[in-house]
Amino acid sequence: MLIRDAKVEDWPQIWPFLRTIVAAGETYTWPRDVTEEQARPLWMPPPPARTVVAVDPDGTVLGSAKLLPNQGGPGAHVANASFMVAPSAAGRGVGRALGTHVLNRARAEGYRSMQFNAVVATNTRAVGLWRSLGFEVVGRVPEGFRLPDDRYVDLLVMYQRL
């Protein structure tokens, strides 16, 4: 698998799995009915943000991540990132590879830390991955996320000093 900067031409491969993941309503705080026109600028924002893709040797996009400042101005030294792995590529190490890549890139770009603002507590695979990559839970928003079955679960704020 190769991880590289995303190109405009990658969007048609990103959009189907992004749409599926967001529509499932289990891991992202985006509206479940997000349109392609709304999603594209959210996932592929302009600099200083960076969007990357993980691709198979044949060019198939397996997953994607975006890296950007968590806040502007005096908070811009703290990175934020989001990750999506195509369901067909689950269990192949794509999330770990993207996570490692983005952490290394954030360090290289001079960020001092990385913060995830809204990790759904029931997303145990993601929570386990982020913990294994050095993140810790520094905050919890009780019942901050509503699942499709109308249960409320916590959102975790996760952090790592770079």
C-alpha atoms as a PDB file:
ATOM      1  CA  MET A   1       0.000   0.000   0.000  1.00  0.00           C
ATOM      2  CA  LEU A   2       1.184   3.493  -0.849  1.00  0.00           C
ATOM      3  CA  ILE A   3       0.104   6.615   1.034  1.00  0.00           C
ATOM      4  CA  ARG A   4       0.264   9.810  -0.989  1.00  0.00           C
ATOM      5  CA  ASP A   5      -1.343  13.220  -1.220  1.00  0.00           C
ATOM      6  CA  ALA A   6      -4.866  13.006  -2.570  1.00  0.00           C
ATOM      7  CA  LYS A   7      -5.564  14.324  -6.040  1.00  0.00           C
ATOM      8  CA  VAL A   8      -8.796  15.715  -7.416  1.00  0.00           C
ATOM      9  CA  GLU A   9      -9.016  12.521  -9.485  1.00  0.00           C
ATOM     10  CA  ASP A  10      -9.204  10.435  -6.271  1.00  0.00           C
ATOM     11  CA  TRP A  11     -12.513  11.925  -5.149  1.00  0.00           C
ATOM     12  CA  PRO A  12     -14.710   9.563  -7.227  1.00  0.00           C
ATOM     13  CA  GLN A  13     -13.162   6.642  -5.306  1.00  0.00           C
ATOM     14  CA  ILE A  14     -13.322   8.361  -1.894  1.00  0.00           C
ATOM     15  CA  TRP A  15     -16.924   9.528  -2.116  1.00  0.00           C
ATOM     16  CA  PRO A  16     -18.634   6.077  -2.202  1.00  0.00           C
ATOM     17  CA  PHE A  17     -17.048   4.826   1.023  1.00  0.00           C
ATOM     18  CA  LEU A  18     -17.244   8.240   2.699  1.00  0.00           C
ATOM     19  CA  ARG A  19     -20.970   8.359   1.895  1.00  0.00           C
ATOM     20  CA  THR A  20     -21.476   4.814   3.233  1.00  0.00           C
ATOM     21  CA  ILE A  21     -19.600   5.504   6.478  1.00  0.00           C
ATOM     22  CA  VAL A  22     -21.341   8.814   7.156  1.00  0.00           C
ATOM     23  CA  ALA A  23     -24.783   7.434   6.252  1.00  0.00           C
ATOM     24  CA  ALA A  24     -24.315   4.564   8.716  1.00  0.00           C
ATOM     25  CA  GLY A  25     -24.352   7.214  11.451  1.00  0.00           C
ATOM     26  CA  GLU A  26     -22.112   5.285  13.848  1.00  0.00           C
ATOM     27  CA  THR A  27     -18.773   7.101  13.759  1.00  0.00           C
ATOM     28  CA  TYR A  28     -18.990  10.597  12.243  1.00  0.00           C
ATOM     29  CA  THR A  29     -20.675  13.731  13.523  1.00  0.00           C
ATOM     30  CA  TRP A  30     -21.567  14.779   9.992  1.00  0.00           C
ATOM     31  CA  PRO A  31     -25.209  14.817   8.858  1.00  0.00           C
ATOM     32  CA  ARG A  32     -26.096  11.298   7.730  1.00  0.00           C
ATOM     33  CA  ASP A  33     -27.596  12.675   4.512  1.00  0.00           C
ATOM     34  CA  VAL A  34     -24.536  14.755   3.570  1.00  0.00           C
ATOM     35  CA  THR A  35     -24.442  15.427  -0.151  1.00  0.00           C
ATOM     36  CA  GLU A  36     -21.412  15.012  -2.353  1.00  0.00           C
ATOM     37  CA  GLU A  37     -21.323  18.782  -2.859  1.00  0.00           C
ATOM     38  CA  GLN A  38     -21.192  19.306   0.921  1.00  0.00           C
ATOM     39  CA  ALA A  39     -18.760  16.465   1.634  1.00  0.00           C
ATOM     40  CA  ARG A  40     -16.057  17.224  -0.898  1.00  0.00           C
ATOM     41  CA  PRO A  41     -14.874  20.559   0.550  1.00  0.00           C
ATOM     42  CA  LEU A  42     -15.158  19.142   4.080  1.00  0.00           C
ATOM     43  CA  TRP A  43     -12.923  16.169   3.247  1.00  0.00           C
ATOM     44  CA  MET A  44     -10.579  17.914   0.817  1.00  0.00           C
ATOM     45  CA  PRO A  45     -10.170  21.419   2.252  1.00  0.00           C
ATOM     46  CA  PRO A  46      -7.537  23.851   0.968  1.00  0.00           C
ATOM     47  CA  PRO A  47      -4.124  24.360   2.624  1.00  0.00           C
ATOM     48  CA  PRO A  48      -2.961  24.348   5.287  1.00  0.00           C
ATOM     49  CA  ALA A  49      -5.071  21.179   5.364  1.00  0.00           C
ATOM     50  CA  ARG A  50      -3.707  18.062   3.699  1.00  0.00           C
ATOM     51  CA  THR A  51      -5.703  15.088   2.479  1.00  0.00           C
ATOM     52  CA  VAL A  52      -3.987  11.791   1.764  1.00  0.00           C
ATOM     53  CA  VAL A  53      -5.075   8.467   0.327  1.00  0.00           C
ATOM     54  CA  ALA A  54      -3.887   4.919   0.876  1.00  0.00           C
ATOM     55  CA  VAL A  55      -3.872   3.076  -2.440  1.00  0.00           C
ATOM     56  CA  ASP A  56      -3.274  -0.478  -3.603  1.00  0.00           C
ATOM     57  CA  PRO A  57      -0.643  -1.037  -6.304  1.00  0.00           C
ATOM     58  CA  ASP A  58      -3.475  -1.031  -8.865  1.00  0.00           C
ATOM     59  CA  GLY A  59      -4.516   2.483  -7.765  1.00  0.00           C
ATOM     60  CA  THR A  60      -7.615   1.489  -5.785  1.00  0.00           C
ATOM     61  CA  VAL A  61      -8.193   3.923  -2.924  1.00  0.00           C
ATOM     62  CA  LEU A  62      -8.413   1.903   0.301  1.00  0.00           C
ATOM     63  CA  GLY A  63      -8.789   4.789   2.700  1.00  0.00           C
ATOM     64  CA  SER A  64      -8.182   8.462   3.229  1.00  0.00           C
ATOM     65  CA  ALA A  65      -7.235  10.920   5.950  1.00  0.00           C
ATOM     66  CA  LYS A  66      -7.115  14.648   6.349  1.00  0.00           C
ATOM     67  CA  LEU A  67      -4.731  16.640   8.526  1.00  0.00           C
ATOM     68  CA  LEU A  68      -5.356  20.250   9.495  1.00  0.00           C
ATOM     69  CA  PRO A  69      -4.988  22.668  12.390  1.00  0.00           C
ATOM     70  CA  ASN A  70      -7.474  21.897  15.152  1.00  0.00           C
ATOM     71  CA  GLN A  71      -8.084  25.625  15.650  1.00  0.00           C
ATOM     72  CA  GLY A  72      -6.918  28.806  13.988  1.00  0.00           C
ATOM     73  CA  GLY A  73      -4.587  31.520  15.205  1.00  0.00           C
ATOM     74  CA  PRO A  74      -3.012  30.788  18.583  1.00  0.00           C
ATOM     75  CA  GLY A  75      -4.367  27.216  18.499  1.00  0.00           C
ATOM     76  CA  ALA A  76      -2.993  26.345  15.064  1.00  0.00           C
ATOM     77  CA  HIS A  77      -0.012  24.438  16.510  1.00  0.00           C
ATOM     78  CA  VAL A  78      -2.380  21.614  17.542  1.00  0.00           C
ATOM     79  CA  ALA A  79      -3.232  19.254  14.691  1.00  0.00           C
ATOM     80  CA  ASN A  80      -6.519  17.523  14.052  1.00  0.00           C
ATOM     81  CA  ALA A  81      -7.141  14.619  11.724  1.00  0.00           C
ATOM     82  CA  SER A  82      -9.967  12.483  10.377  1.00  0.00           C
ATOM     83  CA  PHE A  83      -9.760   9.018   8.887  1.00  0.00           C
ATOM     84  CA  MET A  84     -11.954   6.783   6.744  1.00  0.00           C
ATOM     85  CA  VAL A  85     -11.204   3.290   5.529  1.00  0.00           C
ATOM     86  CA  ALA A  86     -13.247   1.682   2.778  1.00  0.00           C
ATOM     87  CA  PRO A  87     -15.312  -1.116   4.358  1.00  0.00           C
ATOM     88  CA  SER A  88     -13.896  -3.501   1.732  1.00  0.00           C
ATOM     89  CA  ALA A  89     -10.383  -2.783   3.085  1.00  0.00           C
ATOM     90  CA  ALA A  90     -11.218  -3.233   6.792  1.00  0.00           C
ATOM     91  CA  GLY A  91      -8.777  -5.370   8.722  1.00  0.00           C
ATOM     92  CA  ARG A  92      -5.885  -4.820   6.303  1.00  0.00           C
ATOM     93  CA  GLY A  93      -3.955  -2.278   8.395  1.00  0.00           C
ATOM     94  CA  VAL A  94      -5.079   0.709   6.357  1.00  0.00           C
ATOM     95  CA  GLY A  95      -6.216   2.720   9.392  1.00  0.00           C
ATOM     96  CA  ARG A  96      -2.955   2.070  11.249  1.00  0.00           C
ATOM     97  CA  ALA A  97      -0.892   2.985   8.181  1.00  0.00           C
ATOM     98  CA  LEU A  98      -2.858   6.206   7.682  1.00  0.00           C
ATOM     99  CA  GLY A  99      -2.636   7.048  11.384  1.00  0.00           C
ATOM    100  CA  THR A 100       1.123   6.527  11.473  1.00  0.00           C
ATOM    101  CA  HIS A 101       1.580   8.526   8.276  1.00  0.00           C
ATOM    102  CA  VAL A 102      -0.499  11.457   9.505  1.00  0.00           C
ATOM    103  CA  LEU A 103       1.250  11.539  12.895  1.00  0.00           C
ATOM    104  CA  ASN A 104       4.653  11.582  11.195  1.00  0.00           C
ATOM    105  CA  ARG A 105       3.510  14.273   8.791  1.00  0.00           C
ATOM    106  CA  ALA A 106       2.128  16.406  11.607  1.00  0.00           C
ATOM    107  CA  ARG A 107       5.473  16.173  13.408  1.00  0.00           C
ATOM    108  CA  ALA A 108       7.345  17.077  10.211  1.00  0.00           C
ATOM    109  CA  GLU A 109       5.069  20.085   9.673  1.00  0.00           C
ATOM    110  CA  GLY A 110       5.825  21.403  13.154  1.00  0.00           C
ATOM    111  CA  TYR A 111       2.618  20.627  15.009  1.00  0.00           C
ATOM    112  CA  ARG A 112       3.205  20.211  18.748  1.00  0.00           C
ATOM    113  CA  SER A 113       0.314  17.846  19.418  1.00  0.00           C
ATOM    114  CA  MET A 114      -2.725  16.211  17.845  1.00  0.00           C
ATOM    115  CA  GLN A 115      -6.259  16.268  19.193  1.00  0.00           C
ATOM    116  CA  PHE A 116      -9.311  14.340  18.098  1.00  0.00           C
ATOM    117  CA  ASN A 117     -12.405  16.245  19.186  1.00  0.00           C
ATOM    118  CA  ALA A 118     -15.128  13.640  18.741  1.00  0.00           C
ATOM    119  CA  VAL A 119     -14.242   9.952  18.817  1.00  0.00           C
ATOM    120  CA  VAL A 120     -17.450   7.985  19.333  1.00  0.00           C
ATOM    121  CA  ALA A 121     -16.914   5.849  22.437  1.00  0.00           C
ATOM    122  CA  THR A 122     -18.644   2.831  20.884  1.00  0.00           C
ATOM    123  CA  ASN A 123     -16.194   2.920  17.950  1.00  0.00           C
ATOM    124  CA  THR A 124     -13.957   0.515  19.858  1.00  0.00           C
ATOM    125  CA  ARG A 125     -11.735  -0.308  16.884  1.00  0.00           C
ATOM    126  CA  ALA A 126     -10.829   3.353  16.435  1.00  0.00           C
ATOM    127  CA  VAL A 127     -10.403   3.973  20.168  1.00  0.00           C
ATOM    128  CA  GLY A 128      -8.111   0.924  20.402  1.00  0.00           C
ATOM    129  CA  LEU A 129      -6.096   2.007  17.363  1.00  0.00           C
ATOM    130  CA  TRP A 130      -5.607   5.544  18.632  1.00  0.00           C
ATOM    131  CA  ARG A 131      -4.583   4.282  22.085  1.00  0.00           C
ATOM    132  CA  SER A 132      -2.075   1.904  20.482  1.00  0.00           C
ATOM    133  CA  LEU A 133      -0.605   4.855  18.552  1.00  0.00           C
ATOM    134  CA  GLY A 134      -0.078   6.846  21.745  1.00  0.00           C
ATOM    135  CA  PHE A 135      -3.298   8.809  22.201  1.00  0.00           C
ATOM    136  CA  GLU A 136      -4.968   9.184  25.558  1.00  0.00           C
ATOM    137  CA  VAL A 137      -8.500  10.175  26.448  1.00  0.00           C
ATOM    138  CA  VAL A 138      -8.344  13.668  27.956  1.00  0.00           C
ATOM    139  CA  GLY A 139     -12.051  14.437  27.950  1.00  0.00           C
ATOM    140  CA  ARG A 140     -15.480  12.956  27.575  1.00  0.00           C
ATOM    141  CA  VAL A 141     -18.727  14.527  26.415  1.00  0.00           C
ATOM    142  CA  PRO A 142     -21.444  12.465  28.090  1.00  0.00           C
ATOM    143  CA  GLU A 143     -24.102  11.381  25.597  1.00  0.00           C
ATOM    144  CA  GLY A 144     -22.544  13.662  22.968  1.00  0.00           C
ATOM    145  CA  PHE A 145     -23.443  11.382  20.039  1.00  0.00           C
ATOM    146  CA  ARG A 146     -26.795   9.929  18.978  1.00  0.00           C
ATOM    147  CA  LEU A 147     -26.638   6.561  17.235  1.00  0.00           C
ATOM    148  CA  PRO A 148     -29.144   5.634  14.507  1.00  0.00           C
ATOM    149  CA  ASP A 149     -31.135   3.561  17.038  1.00  0.00           C
ATOM    150  CA  ASP A 150     -31.549   6.755  19.123  1.00  0.00           C
ATOM    151  CA  ARG A 151     -29.191   5.648  21.900  1.00  0.00           C
ATOM    152  CA  TYR A 152     -26.881   8.349  23.191  1.00  0.00           C
ATOM    153  CA  VAL A 153     -23.213   7.487  23.721  1.00  0.00           C
ATOM    154  CA  ASP A 154     -20.193   9.474  24.836  1.00  0.00           C
ATOM    155  CA  LEU A 155     -17.791  11.349  22.599  1.00  0.00           C
ATOM    156  CA  LEU A 156     -14.131  11.132  23.572  1.00  0.00           C
ATOM    157  CA  VAL A 157     -11.530  13.859  23.204  1.00  0.00           C
ATOM    158  CA  MET A 158      -8.230  12.133  22.483  1.00  0.00           C
ATOM    159  CA  TYR A 159      -4.802  13.752  22.564  1.00  0.00           C
ATOM    160  CA  GLN A 160      -1.151  13.060  21.877  1.00  0.00           C
ATOM    161  CA  ARG A 161       1.889  15.308  22.351  1.00  0.00           C
ATOM    162  CA  LEU A 162       4.070  15.160  19.239  1.00  0.00           C
END
